[in-house]
PDB file of N, CA and C in Angstrom:
ATOM      1  N   MET A   1      99.520  72.897  91.817  1.00  0.00           N
ATOM      2  CA  MET A   1     100.694  72.919  90.969  1.00  0.00           C
ATOM      3  C   MET A   1     100.593  71.886  89.843  1.00  0.00           C
ATOM      4  N   VAL A   2      99.648  70.962  89.941  1.00  0.00           N
ATOM      5  CA  VAL A   2      99.487  69.953  88.899  1.00  0.00           C
ATOM      6  C   VAL A   2      99.165  70.615  87.562  1.00  0.00           C
ATOM      7  N   THR A   3      98.249  71.556  87.577  1.00  0.00           N
ATOM      8  CA  THR A   3      97.870  72.246  86.341  1.00  0.00           C
ATOM      9  C   THR A   3      99.033  73.064  85.802  1.00  0.00           C
ATOM     10  N   VAL A   4      99.751  73.732  86.667  1.00  0.00           N
ATOM     11  CA  VAL A   4     100.901  74.529  86.234  1.00  0.00           C
ATOM     12  C   VAL A   4     101.932  73.620  85.566  1.00  0.00           C
ATOM     13  N   LYS A   5     102.213  72.479  86.167  1.00  0.00           N
ATOM     14  CA  LYS A   5     103.183  71.545  85.583  1.00  0.00           C
ATOM     15  C   LYS A   5     102.704  71.030  84.228  1.00  0.00           C
ATOM     16  N   ARG A   6     101.405  70.757  84.119  1.00  0.00           N
ATOM     17  CA  ARG A   6     100.863  70.309  82.836  1.00  0.00           C
ATOM     18  C   ARG A   6     101.014  71.400  81.785  1.00  0.00           C
ATOM     19  N   PHE A   7     100.681  72.642  82.156  1.00  0.00           N
ATOM     20  CA  PHE A   7     100.824  73.762  81.220  1.00  0.00           C
ATOM     21  C   PHE A   7     102.279  73.910  80.779  1.00  0.00           C
ATOM     22  N   LEU A   8     103.209  73.745  81.705  1.00  0.00           N
ATOM     23  CA  LEU A   8     104.628  73.827  81.360  1.00  0.00           C
ATOM     24  C   LEU A   8     105.005  72.747  80.345  1.00  0.00           C
ATOM     25  N   SER A   9     104.548  71.528  80.587  1.00  0.00           N
ATOM     26  CA  SER A   9     104.887  70.423  79.681  1.00  0.00           C
ATOM     27  C   SER A   9     104.257  70.606  78.304  1.00  0.00           C
ATOM     28  N   GLU A  10     103.112  71.304  78.245  1.00  0.00           N
ATOM     29  CA  GLU A  10     102.420  71.552  76.976  1.00  0.00           C
ATOM     30  C   GLU A  10     102.821  72.889  76.361  1.00  0.00           C
ATOM     31  N   ASN A  11     103.724  73.609  77.036  1.00  0.00           N
ATOM     32  CA  ASN A  11     104.165  74.937  76.589  1.00  0.00           C
ATOM     33  C   ASN A  11     102.990  75.904  76.428  1.00  0.00           C
ATOM     34  N   ARG A  12     102.018  75.795  77.319  1.00  0.00           N
ATOM     35  CA  ARG A  12     100.851  76.682  77.289  1.00  0.00           C
ATOM     36  C   ARG A  12     101.139  77.920  78.122  1.00  0.00           C
ATOM     37  N   LYS A  13     100.604  79.051  77.682  1.00  0.00           N
ATOM     38  CA  LYS A  13     100.784  80.323  78.383  1.00  0.00           C
ATOM     39  C   LYS A  13      99.418  80.905  78.712  1.00  0.00           C
ATOM     40  N   VAL A  14      99.364  81.677  79.788  1.00  0.00           N
ATOM     41  CA  VAL A  14      98.112  82.291  80.230  1.00  0.00           C
ATOM     42  C   VAL A  14      98.321  83.784  80.452  1.00  0.00           C
ATOM     43  N   ASP A  15      97.211  84.512  80.491  1.00  0.00           N
ATOM     44  CA  ASP A  15      97.266  85.952  80.720  1.00  0.00           C
ATOM     45  C   ASP A  15      97.352  86.306  82.204  1.00  0.00           C
ATOM     46  N   TYR A  16      96.696  85.512  83.045  1.00  0.00           N
ATOM     47  CA  TYR A  16      96.640  85.818  84.478  1.00  0.00           C
ATOM     48  C   TYR A  16      96.800  84.551  85.303  1.00  0.00           C
ATOM     49  N   VAL A  17      97.470  84.710  86.432  1.00  0.00           N
ATOM     50  CA  VAL A  17      97.530  83.667  87.451  1.00  0.00           C
ATOM     51  C   VAL A  17      97.128  84.329  88.760  1.00  0.00           C
ATOM     52  N   PHE A  18      96.185  83.710  89.451  1.00  0.00           N
ATOM     53  CA  PHE A  18      95.761  84.197  90.758  1.00  0.00           C
ATOM     54  C   PHE A  18      96.374  83.283  91.816  1.00  0.00           C
ATOM     55  N   GLY A  19      97.259  83.841  92.630  1.00  0.00           N
ATOM     56  CA  GLY A  19      97.914  83.067  93.675  1.00  0.00           C
ATOM     57  C   GLY A  19      97.151  83.204  94.982  1.00  0.00           C
ATOM     58  N   ASP A  20      96.560  82.098  95.435  1.00  0.00           N
ATOM     59  CA  ASP A  20      95.784  82.133  96.668  1.00  0.00           C
ATOM     60  C   ASP A  20      96.077  80.899  97.517  1.00  0.00           C
ATOM     61  N   LEU A  21      97.308  80.407  97.443  1.00  0.00           N
ATOM     62  CA  LEU A  21      97.632  79.188  98.174  1.00  0.00           C
ATOM     63  C   LEU A  21      97.985  79.440  99.629  1.00  0.00           C
ATOM     64  N   THR A  22      98.671  80.531  99.895  1.00  0.00           N
ATOM     65  CA  THR A  22      99.134  80.772 101.259  1.00  0.00           C
ATOM     66  C   THR A  22      99.436  82.258 101.445  1.00  0.00           C
ATOM     67  N   ASP A  23      99.459  82.676 102.681  1.00  0.00           N
ATOM     68  CA  ASP A  23      99.882  84.038 103.003  1.00  0.00           C
ATOM     69  C   ASP A  23     101.410  84.095 102.956  1.00  0.00           C
ATOM     70  N   ILE A  24     101.931  85.296 102.913  1.00  0.00           N
ATOM     71  CA  ILE A  24     103.377  85.464 103.023  1.00  0.00           C
ATOM     72  C   ILE A  24     103.780  85.022 104.430  1.00  0.00           C
ATOM     73  N   PRO A  25     104.787  84.163 104.546  1.00  0.00           N
ATOM     74  CA  PRO A  25     105.206  83.722 105.877  1.00  0.00           C
ATOM     75  C   PRO A  25     105.667  84.899 106.743  1.00  0.00           C
ATOM     76  N   ILE A  26     105.338  84.829 107.997  1.00  0.00           N
ATOM     77  CA  ILE A  26     105.800  85.837 108.950  1.00  0.00           C
ATOM     78  C   ILE A  26     107.081  85.288 109.577  1.00  0.00           C
ATOM     79  N   SER A  27     108.200  85.886 109.183  1.00  0.00           N
ATOM     80  CA  SER A  27     109.498  85.417 109.654  1.00  0.00           C
ATOM     81  C   SER A  27     110.500  86.558 109.550  1.00  0.00           C
ATOM     82  N   GLU A  28     111.697  86.307 110.036  1.00  0.00           N
ATOM     83  CA  GLU A  28     112.741  87.334 110.006  1.00  0.00           C
ATOM     84  C   GLU A  28     113.609  87.256 108.762  1.00  0.00           C
ATOM     85  N   GLU A  29     113.483  86.161 107.984  1.00  0.00           N
ATOM     86  CA  GLU A  29     114.270  86.017 106.759  1.00  0.00           C
ATOM     87  C   GLU A  29     113.504  85.153 105.764  1.00  0.00           C
ATOM     88  N   THR A  30     113.965  85.180 104.510  1.00  0.00           N
ATOM     89  CA  THR A  30     113.267  84.457 103.445  1.00  0.00           C
ATOM     90  C   THR A  30     113.815  83.045 103.284  1.00  0.00           C
ATOM     91  N   GLY A  31     113.902  82.327 104.358  1.00  0.00           N
ATOM     92  CA  GLY A  31     114.387  80.955 104.320  1.00  0.00           C
ATOM     93  C   GLY A  31     113.366  80.014 104.914  1.00  0.00           C
ATOM     94  N   GLY A  32     113.589  78.742 104.713  1.00  0.00           N
ATOM     95  CA  GLY A  32     112.713  77.735 105.277  1.00  0.00           C
ATOM     96  C   GLY A  32     111.698  77.221 104.275  1.00  0.00           C
ATOM     97  N   GLU A  33     111.017  76.178 104.687  1.00  0.00           N
ATOM     98  CA  GLU A  33     110.091  75.458 103.813  1.00  0.00           C
ATOM     99  C   GLU A  33     108.960  76.328 103.273  1.00  0.00           C
ATOM    100  N   LEU A  34     108.365  77.175 104.099  1.00  0.00           N
ATOM    101  CA  LEU A  34     107.254  78.015 103.631  1.00  0.00           C
ATOM    102  C   LEU A  34     107.704  79.014 102.571  1.00  0.00           C
ATOM    103  N   TRP A  35     108.838  79.656 102.803  1.00  0.00           N
ATOM    104  CA  TRP A  35     109.357  80.606 101.818  1.00  0.00           C
ATOM    105  C   TRP A  35     109.743  79.894 100.532  1.00  0.00           C
ATOM    106  N   GLU A  36     110.368  78.728 100.651  1.00  0.00           N
ATOM    107  CA  GLU A  36     110.751  77.970  99.458  1.00  0.00           C
ATOM    108  C   GLU A  36     109.528  77.622  98.623  1.00  0.00           C
ATOM    109  N   PHE A  37     108.454  77.211  99.292  1.00  0.00           N
ATOM    110  CA  PHE A  37     107.215  76.892  98.582  1.00  0.00           C
ATOM    111  C   PHE A  37     106.658  78.131  97.886  1.00  0.00           C
ATOM    112  N   MET A  38     106.597  79.246  98.617  1.00  0.00           N
ATOM    113  CA  MET A  38     106.051  80.477  98.041  1.00  0.00           C
ATOM    114  C   MET A  38     106.863  80.924  96.825  1.00  0.00           C
ATOM    115  N   ILE A  39     108.174  80.868  96.918  1.00  0.00           N
ATOM    116  CA  ILE A  39     109.032  81.284  95.804  1.00  0.00           C
ATOM    117  C   ILE A  39     108.878  80.320  94.628  1.00  0.00           C
ATOM    118  N   ALA A  40     108.735  79.031  94.898  1.00  0.00           N
ATOM    119  CA  ALA A  40     108.524  78.050  93.828  1.00  0.00           C
ATOM    120  C   ALA A  40     107.216  78.324  93.094  1.00  0.00           C
ATOM    121  N   VAL A  41     106.167  78.653  93.825  1.00  0.00           N
ATOM    122  CA  VAL A  41     104.877  78.987  93.207  1.00  0.00           C
ATOM    123  C   VAL A  41     105.018  80.238  92.352  1.00  0.00           C
ATOM    124  N   LEU A  42     105.691  81.233  92.872  1.00  0.00           N
ATOM    125  CA  LEU A  42     105.891  82.490  92.146  1.00  0.00           C
ATOM    126  C   LEU A  42     106.655  82.252  90.841  1.00  0.00           C
ATOM    127  N   ARG A  43     107.734  81.506  90.916  1.00  0.00           N
ATOM    128  CA  ARG A  43     108.528  81.224  89.702  1.00  0.00           C
ATOM    129  C   ARG A  43     107.728  80.419  88.685  1.00  0.00           C
ATOM    130  N   ALA A  44     107.001  79.415  89.160  1.00  0.00           N
ATOM    131  CA  ALA A  44     106.197  78.586  88.258  1.00  0.00           C
ATOM    132  C   ALA A  44     105.124  79.421  87.570  1.00  0.00           C
ATOM    133  N   ALA A  45     104.525  80.340  88.311  1.00  0.00           N
ATOM    134  CA  ALA A  45     103.496  81.207  87.718  1.00  0.00           C
ATOM    135  C   ALA A  45     104.079  82.017  86.572  1.00  0.00           C
ATOM    136  N   PHE A  46     105.272  82.547  86.760  1.00  0.00           N
ATOM    137  CA  PHE A  46     105.878  83.358  85.702  1.00  0.00           C
ATOM    138  C   PHE A  46     106.368  82.506  84.534  1.00  0.00           C
ATOM    139  N   ASP A  47     106.583  81.221  84.759  1.00  0.00           N
ATOM    140  CA  ASP A  47     106.958  80.330  83.658  1.00  0.00           C
ATOM    141  C   ASP A  47     105.797  80.091  82.694  1.00  0.00           C
ATOM    142  N   ILE A  48     104.560  80.254  83.171  1.00  0.00           N
ATOM    143  CA  ILE A  48     103.410  80.021  82.285  1.00  0.00           C
ATOM    144  C   ILE A  48     102.713  81.314  81.865  1.00  0.00           C
ATOM    145  N   LEU A  49     103.208  82.450  82.328  1.00  0.00           N
ATOM    146  CA  LEU A  49     102.593  83.730  81.951  1.00  0.00           C
ATOM    147  C   LEU A  49     103.080  84.196  80.586  1.00  0.00           C
ATOM    148  N   ARG A  50     102.156  84.780  79.840  1.00  0.00           N
ATOM    149  CA  ARG A  50     102.536  85.451  78.596  1.00  0.00           C
ATOM    150  C   ARG A  50     103.349  86.695  78.962  1.00  0.00           C
ATOM    151  N   PRO A  51     104.085  87.259  78.002  1.00  0.00           N
ATOM    152  CA  PRO A  51     104.921  88.431  78.304  1.00  0.00           C
ATOM    153  C   PRO A  51     104.161  89.584  78.953  1.00  0.00           C
ATOM    154  N   ARG A  52     102.903  89.772  78.607  1.00  0.00           N
ATOM    155  CA  ARG A  52     102.114  90.855  79.212  1.00  0.00           C
ATOM    156  C   ARG A  52     101.179  90.356  80.313  1.00  0.00           C
ATOM    157  N   GLY A  53     101.395  89.134  80.753  1.00  0.00           N
ATOM    158  CA  GLY A  53     100.548  88.548  81.784  1.00  0.00           C
ATOM    159  C   GLY A  53     100.805  89.144  83.160  1.00  0.00           C
ATOM    160  N   LYS A  54      99.898  88.820  84.079  1.00  0.00           N
ATOM    161  CA  LYS A  54     100.031  89.312  85.456  1.00  0.00           C
ATOM    162  C   LYS A  54      99.782  88.192  86.452  1.00  0.00           C
ATOM    163  N   PHE A  55     100.558  88.244  87.518  1.00  0.00           N
ATOM    164  CA  PHE A  55     100.361  87.363  88.665  1.00  0.00           C
ATOM    165  C   PHE A  55      99.764  88.220  89.766  1.00  0.00           C
ATOM    166  N   MET A  56      98.607  87.821  90.247  1.00  0.00           N
ATOM    167  CA  MET A  56      97.943  88.585  91.302  1.00  0.00           C
ATOM    168  C   MET A  56      97.805  87.702  92.534  1.00  0.00           C
ATOM    169  N   THR A  57      98.109  88.279  93.676  1.00  0.00           N
ATOM    170  CA  THR A  57      98.070  87.500  94.904  1.00  0.00           C
ATOM    171  C   THR A  57      97.811  88.410  96.097  1.00  0.00           C
ATOM    172  N   HIS A  58      97.399  87.796  97.182  1.00  0.00           N
ATOM    173  CA  HIS A  58      97.291  88.550  98.431  1.00  0.00           C
ATOM    174  C   HIS A  58      98.588  88.372  99.189  1.00  0.00           C
ATOM    175  N   GLY A  59      98.941  89.401  99.935  1.00  0.00           N
ATOM    176  CA  GLY A  59     100.186  89.343 100.678  1.00  0.00           C
ATOM    177  C   GLY A  59      99.966  88.878 102.094  1.00  0.00           C
ATOM    178  N   ASN A  60      99.649  89.828 102.930  1.00  0.00           N
ATOM    179  CA  ASN A  60      99.431  89.578 104.342  1.00  0.00           C
ATOM    180  C   ASN A  60      98.724  90.802 104.899  1.00  0.00           C
ATOM    181  N   GLY A  61      98.452  90.777 106.170  1.00  0.00           N
ATOM    182  CA  GLY A  61      97.841  91.928 106.796  1.00  0.00           C
ATOM    183  C   GLY A  61      98.786  93.119 106.813  1.00  0.00           C
ATOM    184  N   ALA A  62      98.214  94.293 106.736  1.00  0.00           N
ATOM    185  CA  ALA A  62      99.018  95.518 106.768  1.00  0.00           C
ATOM    186  C   ALA A  62      99.761  95.658 108.094  1.00  0.00           C
ATOM    187  N   THR A  63      99.346  94.895 109.092  1.00  0.00           N
ATOM    188  CA  THR A  63     100.009  94.940 110.396  1.00  0.00           C
ATOM    189  C   THR A  63     101.274  94.080 110.436  1.00  0.00           C
ATOM    190  N   SER A  64     101.641  93.489 109.292  1.00  0.00           N
ATOM    191  CA  SER A  64     102.859  92.671 109.200  1.00  0.00           C
ATOM    192  C   SER A  64     103.819  93.255 108.168  1.00  0.00           C
ATOM    193  N   PRO A  65     104.249  94.506 108.364  1.00  0.00           N
ATOM    194  CA  PRO A  65     105.069  95.151 107.337  1.00  0.00           C
ATOM    195  C   PRO A  65     106.411  94.461 107.089  1.00  0.00           C
ATOM    196  N   GLU A  66     106.966  93.803 108.101  1.00  0.00           N
ATOM    197  CA  GLU A  66     108.253  93.137 107.911  1.00  0.00           C
ATOM    198  C   GLU A  66     108.145  91.998 106.902  1.00  0.00           C
ATOM    199  N   SER A  67     107.089  91.191 107.008  1.00  0.00           N
ATOM    200  CA  SER A  67     106.936  90.081 106.063  1.00  0.00           C
ATOM    201  C   SER A  67     106.640  90.599 104.658  1.00  0.00           C
ATOM    202  N   LEU A  68     105.889  91.680 104.559  1.00  0.00           N
ATOM    203  CA  LEU A  68     105.613  92.279 103.251  1.00  0.00           C
ATOM    204  C   LEU A  68     106.904  92.798 102.619  1.00  0.00           C
ATOM    205  N   GLU A  69     107.766  93.389 103.415  1.00  0.00           N
ATOM    206  CA  GLU A  69     109.052  93.885 102.916  1.00  0.00           C
ATOM    207  C   GLU A  69     109.927  92.729 102.427  1.00  0.00           C
ATOM    208  N   LEU A  70     109.938  91.623 103.154  1.00  0.00           N
ATOM    209  CA  LEU A  70     110.710  90.458 102.713  1.00  0.00           C
ATOM    210  C   LEU A  70     110.198  89.945 101.372  1.00  0.00           C
ATOM    211  N   TYR A  71     108.882  89.907 101.208  1.00  0.00           N
ATOM    212  CA  TYR A  71     108.293  89.459  99.940  1.00  0.00           C
ATOM    213  C   TYR A  71     108.714  90.386  98.803  1.00  0.00           C
ATOM    214  N   GLU A  72     108.685  91.669  99.063  1.00  0.00           N
ATOM    215  CA  GLU A  72     109.082  92.638  98.039  1.00  0.00           C
ATOM    216  C   GLU A  72     110.566  92.500  97.692  1.00  0.00           C
ATOM    217  N   GLN A  73     111.390  92.134  98.668  1.00  0.00           N
ATOM    218  CA  GLN A  73     112.809  91.878  98.388  1.00  0.00           C
ATOM    219  C   GLN A  73     112.965  90.677  97.458  1.00  0.00           C
ATOM    220  N   VAL A  74     112.131  89.656  97.648  1.00  0.00           N
ATOM    221  CA  VAL A  74     112.138  88.496  96.751  1.00  0.00           C
ATOM    222  C   VAL A  74     111.756  88.935  95.343  1.00  0.00           C
ATOM    223  N   LEU A  75     110.729  89.769  95.234  1.00  0.00           N
ATOM    224  CA  LEU A  75     110.280  90.237  93.921  1.00  0.00           C
ATOM    225  C   LEU A  75     111.376  91.024  93.207  1.00  0.00           C
ATOM    226  N   VAL A  76     112.083  91.871  93.936  1.00  0.00           N
ATOM    227  CA  VAL A  76     113.141  92.698  93.342  1.00  0.00           C
ATOM    228  C   VAL A  76     114.273  91.827  92.789  1.00  0.00           C
ATOM    229  N   LYS A  77     114.504  90.671  93.395  1.00  0.00           N
ATOM    230  CA  LYS A  77     115.604  89.794  92.977  1.00  0.00           C
ATOM    231  C   LYS A  77     115.211  88.804  91.881  1.00  0.00           C
ATOM    232  N   MET A  78     113.950  88.763  91.501  1.00  0.00           N
ATOM    233  CA  MET A  78     113.504  87.770  90.521  1.00  0.00           C
ATOM    234  C   MET A  78     114.169  87.948  89.168  1.00  0.00           C
ATOM    235  N   LYS A  79     114.428  86.832  88.515  1.00  0.00           N
ATOM    236  CA  LYS A  79     114.941  86.803  87.144  1.00  0.00           C
ATOM    237  C   LYS A  79     114.005  85.930  86.327  1.00  0.00           C
ATOM    238  N   PRO A  80     113.471  86.397  85.237  1.00  0.00           N
ATOM    239  CA  PRO A  80     113.599  87.750  84.714  1.00  0.00           C
ATOM    240  C   PRO A  80     112.963  88.762  85.657  1.00  0.00           C
ATOM    241  N   ALA A  81     113.376  89.997  85.502  1.00  0.00           N
ATOM    242  CA  ALA A  81     112.928  91.070  86.398  1.00  0.00           C
ATOM    243  C   ALA A  81     111.423  91.282  86.301  1.00  0.00           C
ATOM    244  N   VAL A  82     110.837  91.614  87.445  1.00  0.00           N
ATOM    245  CA  VAL A  82     109.406  91.913  87.505  1.00  0.00           C
ATOM    246  C   VAL A  82     109.196  93.289  88.114  1.00  0.00           C
ATOM    247  N   THR A  83     108.019  93.799  87.900  1.00  0.00           N
ATOM    248  CA  THR A  83     107.590  95.035  88.533  1.00  0.00           C
ATOM    249  C   THR A  83     106.298  94.723  89.279  1.00  0.00           C
ATOM    250  N   PHE A  84     106.011  95.480  90.323  1.00  0.00           N
ATOM    251  CA  PHE A  84     104.792  95.185  91.069  1.00  0.00           C
ATOM    252  C   PHE A  84     104.136  96.462  91.570  1.00  0.00           C
ATOM    253  N   THR A  85     102.850  96.348  91.743  1.00  0.00           N
ATOM    254  CA  THR A  85     102.080  97.370  92.438  1.00  0.00           C
ATOM    255  C   THR A  85     101.354  96.655  93.564  1.00  0.00           C
ATOM    256  N   LYS A  86     100.906  97.431  94.510  1.00  0.00           N
ATOM    257  CA  LYS A  86     100.148  96.837  95.610  1.00  0.00           C
ATOM    258  C   LYS A  86      99.026  97.776  96.000  1.00  0.00           C
ATOM    259  N   CYS A  87      98.010  97.182  96.578  1.00  0.00           N
ATOM    260  CA  CYS A  87      96.890  97.977  97.069  1.00  0.00           C
ATOM    261  C   CYS A  87      96.441  97.374  98.397  1.00  0.00           C
ATOM    262  N   LYS A  88      95.643  98.132  99.095  1.00  0.00           N
ATOM    263  CA  LYS A  88      95.191  97.727 100.426  1.00  0.00           C
ATOM    264  C   LYS A  88      93.677  97.784 100.457  1.00  0.00           C
ATOM    265  N   ALA A  89      93.071  96.785 101.081  1.00  0.00           N
ATOM    266  CA  ALA A  89      91.617  96.769 101.239  1.00  0.00           C
ATOM    267  C   ALA A  89      91.281  96.121 102.575  1.00  0.00           C
ATOM    268  N   PHE A  90      90.226  96.607 103.186  1.00  0.00           N
ATOM    269  CA  PHE A  90      89.766  96.015 104.434  1.00  0.00           C
ATOM    270  C   PHE A  90      89.063  94.700 104.118  1.00  0.00           C
ATOM    271  N   VAL A  91      89.468  93.634 104.814  1.00  0.00           N
ATOM    272  CA  VAL A  91      88.850  92.321 104.637  1.00  0.00           C
ATOM    273  C   VAL A  91      88.060  92.021 105.909  1.00  0.00           C
ATOM    274  N   PRO A  92      86.729  92.097 105.832  1.00  0.00           N
ATOM    275  CA  PRO A  92      85.908  91.932 107.035  1.00  0.00           C
ATOM    276  C   PRO A  92      86.159  90.624 107.787  1.00  0.00           C
ATOM    277  N   SER A  93      86.349  89.521 107.077  1.00  0.00           N
ATOM    278  CA  SER A  93      86.545  88.248 107.770  1.00  0.00           C
ATOM    279  C   SER A  93      87.879  88.188 108.521  1.00  0.00           C
ATOM    280  N   PHE A  94      88.848  89.017 108.124  1.00  0.00           N
ATOM    281  CA  PHE A  94      90.124  89.087 108.829  1.00  0.00           C
ATOM    282  C   PHE A  94      90.150  90.228 109.843  1.00  0.00           C
ATOM    283  N   LEU A  95      89.180  91.124 109.751  1.00  0.00           N
ATOM    284  CA  LEU A  95      89.084  92.296 110.620  1.00  0.00           C
ATOM    285  C   LEU A  95      90.330  93.181 110.541  1.00  0.00           C
ATOM    286  N   GLU A  96      90.911  93.274 109.346  1.00  0.00           N
ATOM    287  CA  GLU A  96      92.068  94.153 109.162  1.00  0.00           C
ATOM    288  C   GLU A  96      92.264  94.480 107.686  1.00  0.00           C
ATOM    289  N   ASP A  97      93.103  95.477 107.455  1.00  0.00           N
ATOM    290  CA  ASP A  97      93.493  95.805 106.088  1.00  0.00           C
ATOM    291  C   ASP A  97      94.441  94.726 105.584  1.00  0.00           C
ATOM    292  N   TRP A  98      94.277  94.359 104.324  1.00  0.00           N
ATOM    293  CA  TRP A  98      95.088  93.314 103.708  1.00  0.00           C
ATOM    294  C   TRP A  98      95.769  93.899 102.480  1.00  0.00           C
ATOM    295  N   ILE A  99      96.973  93.450 102.201  1.00  0.00           N
ATOM    296  CA  ILE A  99      97.744  93.947 101.059  1.00  0.00           C
ATOM    297  C   ILE A  99      97.627  92.951  99.903  1.00  0.00           C
ATOM    298  N   PHE A 100      97.374  93.478  98.704  1.00  0.00           N
ATOM    299  CA  PHE A 100      97.246  92.676  97.488  1.00  0.00           C
ATOM    300  C   PHE A 100      98.292  93.138  96.484  1.00  0.00           C
ATOM    301  N   TYR A 101      98.905  92.181  95.790  1.00  0.00           N
ATOM    302  CA  TYR A 101      99.968  92.477  94.824  1.00  0.00           C
ATOM    303  C   TYR A 101      99.534  92.144  93.402  1.00  0.00           C
ATOM    304  N   GLN A 102      99.966  92.990  92.471  1.00  0.00           N
ATOM    305  CA  GLN A 102      99.816  92.759  91.040  1.00  0.00           C
ATOM    306  C   GLN A 102     101.242  92.794  90.480  1.00  0.00           C
ATOM    307  N   ILE A 103     101.695  91.668  89.927  1.00  0.00           N
ATOM    308  CA  ILE A 103     103.094  91.517  89.524  1.00  0.00           C
ATOM    309  C   ILE A 103     103.151  91.172  88.038  1.00  0.00           C
ATOM    310  N   ALA A 104     104.068  91.809  87.330  1.00  0.00           N
ATOM    311  CA  ALA A 104     104.212  91.574  85.888  1.00  0.00           C
ATOM    312  C   ALA A 104     105.690  91.583  85.524  1.00  0.00           C
ATOM    313  N   PHE A 105     105.996  91.047  84.337  1.00  0.00           N
ATOM    314  CA  PHE A 105     107.361  91.149  83.836  1.00  0.00           C
ATOM    315  C   PHE A 105     107.713  92.615  83.674  1.00  0.00           C
ATOM    316  N   LYS A 106     108.943  92.971  83.996  1.00  0.00           N
ATOM    317  CA  LYS A 106     109.368  94.366  83.888  1.00  0.00           C
ATOM    318  C   LYS A 106     109.324  94.853  82.448  1.00  0.00           C
ATOM    319  N   ASN A 107     109.800  94.060  81.517  1.00  0.00           N
ATOM    320  CA  ASN A 107     109.743  94.408  80.099  1.00  0.00           C
ATOM    321  C   ASN A 107     108.554  93.673  79.504  1.00  0.00           C
ATOM    322  N   GLN A 108     107.441  94.369  79.320  1.00  0.00           N
ATOM    323  CA  GLN A 108     106.209  93.730  78.884  1.00  0.00           C
ATOM    324  C   GLN A 108     105.998  93.828  77.378  1.00  0.00           C
ATOM    325  N   SER A 109     107.044  93.969  76.602  1.00  0.00           N
ATOM    326  CA  SER A 109     106.874  94.074  75.153  1.00  0.00           C
ATOM    327  C   SER A 109     106.768  92.686  74.540  1.00  0.00           C
ATOM    328  N   GLY A 110     106.038  92.617  73.463  1.00  0.00           N
ATOM    329  CA  GLY A 110     105.922  91.375  72.705  1.00  0.00           C
ATOM    330  C   GLY A 110     104.743  90.535  73.106  1.00  0.00           C
ATOM    331  N   ASP A 111     104.252  89.785  72.162  1.00  0.00           N
ATOM    332  CA  ASP A 111     103.167  88.837  72.380  1.00  0.00           C
ATOM    333  C   ASP A 111     103.624  87.480  71.879  1.00  0.00           C
ATOM    334  N   ASP A 112     102.945  86.440  72.381  1.00  0.00           N
ATOM    335  CA  ASP A 112     103.257  85.136  71.816  1.00  0.00           C
ATOM    336  C   ASP A 112     102.028  84.504  71.242  1.00  0.00           C
TER     337      ASP A 112
END
């Protein structure tokens, strides 16, 4: 987050942010320290993205649909609004299918 904070202070924008700090927490609700951290990272990433930029991250294993749904609920509530796509790929080191997200501003018009 040091680099993100520096970029914010310098008003620098980027085309892509790759989020690889943590998996989506496995829980029954979007509360607690882990969720707060994840949401803070997500918001900070969008603060430094250009209007047509993308935030890409891994979600969790496909065997954890509840946590993936909670993450998607967070995305739907984001301001400014975002849109997302997701894909699934087998990750040999995890021995399971993993979900990956590509997230962008909903209104992607304009350049800076």
